[in-house]
Protein backbone atom coordinates (compact mmCIF):
# COMPACT_ATOMS: atom_id res chain seq x y z
CA MET A 1 16.07 10.96 -30.89
CA ILE A 2 18.65 12.05 -33.41
CA TYR A 3 22.34 12.17 -33.29
CA ILE A 4 24.06 15.14 -35.16
CA CYS A 5 27.70 15.92 -35.11
CA GLY A 6 28.11 14.91 -31.17
CA ILE A 7 24.85 16.00 -30.08
CA PHE A 8 21.62 14.33 -29.04
CA LEU A 9 18.37 15.93 -30.22
CA VAL A 10 15.34 14.87 -28.37
CA TYR A 11 12.13 15.65 -30.19
CA GLN A 12 8.76 15.05 -28.36
CA GLY A 13 6.10 15.57 -31.11
CA ASP A 14 7.49 18.07 -33.37
CA ILE A 15 9.47 20.29 -30.64
CA ILE A 16 12.90 20.14 -29.57
CA VAL A 17 13.09 19.74 -25.98
CA LYS A 18 15.89 21.87 -24.45
CA CYS A 19 17.32 22.30 -21.20
CA ILE A 20 15.80 24.41 -18.68
CA PHE A 21 18.66 25.68 -17.20
CA CYS A 22 21.02 26.34 -20.14
CA LYS A 23 18.83 26.57 -22.96
CA SER A 24 20.89 23.79 -24.93
CA GLY A 25 19.19 21.21 -27.19
CA ASN A 26 21.94 18.54 -25.94
CA VAL A 27 19.52 16.78 -23.99
CA VAL A 28 18.79 12.50 -23.59
CA HIS A 29 16.01 10.77 -21.93
CA ASN A 30 16.40 9.89 -18.33
CA GLY A 31 13.73 7.74 -17.57
CA LYS A 32 10.74 8.62 -16.05
CA ARG A 33 9.03 10.35 -13.27
CA LYS A 34 6.04 8.75 -11.78
CA ARG A 35 3.94 11.25 -9.50
CA ASN A 36 0.55 10.85 -7.99
CA VAL A 37 -0.66 13.23 -10.98
CA GLY A 38 0.76 11.11 -13.61
CA VAL A 39 4.05 9.95 -15.34
CA LYS A 40 5.99 12.65 -16.81
CA GLN A 41 9.03 11.92 -19.09
CA SER A 42 12.66 12.96 -17.34
CA TYR A 43 15.67 14.80 -19.29
CA LEU A 44 19.27 15.00 -18.51
CA CYS A 45 21.15 17.75 -19.92
CA MET A 46 24.66 16.89 -21.27
CA ASN A 47 26.15 20.32 -21.11
CA CYS A 48 25.03 20.91 -17.65
CA LYS A 49 24.41 17.74 -16.47
CA LYS A 50 21.27 18.72 -14.48
CA GLN A 51 18.04 16.79 -14.90
CA PHE A 52 14.69 17.93 -15.66
CA VAL A 53 10.92 16.98 -16.36
CA GLU A 54 8.96 18.08 -19.54
CA VAL A 55 7.35 21.47 -19.07
CA ASP A 56 3.78 21.51 -19.36
CA GLY A 57 2.37 24.67 -16.94
CA PHE A 58 1.59 22.39 -14.10
CA GLU A 59 5.00 22.06 -12.55
CA ARG A 60 5.09 21.68 -8.65
CA MET A 61 1.28 21.24 -8.72
CA ARG A 62 -0.22 18.28 -6.26
CA HIS A 63 -3.36 17.68 -8.07
CA LYS A 64 -4.01 16.59 -11.36
CA PRO A 65 -4.17 19.43 -14.28
CA GLU A 66 -7.84 17.95 -15.27
CA THR A 67 -8.96 18.96 -11.52
CA ILE A 68 -7.41 22.09 -11.89
CA ALA A 69 -8.82 22.84 -15.03
CA ARG A 70 -12.16 21.87 -14.16
CA ALA A 71 -12.11 23.78 -10.92
CA VAL A 72 -11.23 27.12 -12.63
CA HIS A 73 -13.54 26.65 -15.34
CA MET A 74 -16.50 26.14 -12.68
CA HIS A 75 -15.30 29.39 -11.03
CA GLU A 76 -15.07 31.27 -14.32
CA ASP A 77 -19.00 29.97 -14.77
CA GLY A 78 -20.00 31.64 -11.54
CA MET A 79 -20.08 28.74 -9.09
CA SER A 80 -18.90 29.90 -5.80
CA LEU A 81 -15.07 28.66 -3.99
CA SER A 82 -17.03 26.57 -1.28
CA LYS A 83 -19.67 24.89 -4.07
CA ILE A 84 -16.32 24.07 -6.02
CA GLN A 85 -14.54 22.70 -2.91
CA ASN A 86 -18.05 20.57 -2.36
CA HIS A 87 -18.36 19.43 -5.69
CA LEU A 88 -14.88 18.51 -6.01
CA TRP A 89 -14.70 16.60 -2.51
CA GLN A 90 -18.16 14.57 -3.56
CA HIS A 91 -17.76 13.52 -7.15
CA ASP A 92 -13.82 13.49 -7.36
CA ALA A 93 -12.51 12.63 -3.61
CA VAL A 94 -10.32 15.64 -4.03
CA LYS A 95 -9.90 17.68 -1.08
CA VAL A 96 -8.67 21.21 -1.17
CA THR A 97 -9.17 24.68 0.64
CA ARG A 98 -11.22 27.68 -0.91
CA GLY A 99 -7.75 29.25 -0.90
CA THR A 100 -6.25 27.04 -3.40
CA ILE A 101 -8.87 26.99 -5.79
CA SER A 102 -8.86 30.62 -5.63
CA ASN A 103 -4.96 30.62 -5.91
CA TRP A 104 -5.36 28.18 -9.06
CA GLU A 105 -7.92 30.65 -10.51
CA LYS A 106 -5.47 33.47 -10.23
CA LYS A 107 -2.69 31.76 -12.15
CA TYR A 108 -4.68 29.80 -14.75
CA SER A 109 -7.82 31.84 -15.58
CA ILE A 110 -5.84 34.15 -17.97
CA PHE A 111 -5.26 30.89 -20.26
CA LEU A 112 -9.26 30.42 -20.09
CA LYS A 113 -10.22 34.02 -21.49
């Protein structure tokens, strides 16, 4: 975190974190969000006073990104939705519907091409 001319700039690696609401760079760390899918850094915008978590492409997803990526990859490799559903249940103890896997495939398959 760097303080320049009354503005806090939060760096995450080499990237400056900006508010997802007002696009301001004036954000500070505001704890961590502990969820079933993992821990995410929480931020507070000093301009609009709104709280947000880091953007990683898997916002509002109930399952781990690794599970989603594996299911989409298996479907791209030619496995049926039923076989993917059974595989996730037997090997990872993750219970999802075929419709959920289909929605994941529609949303994330463009990133695998």
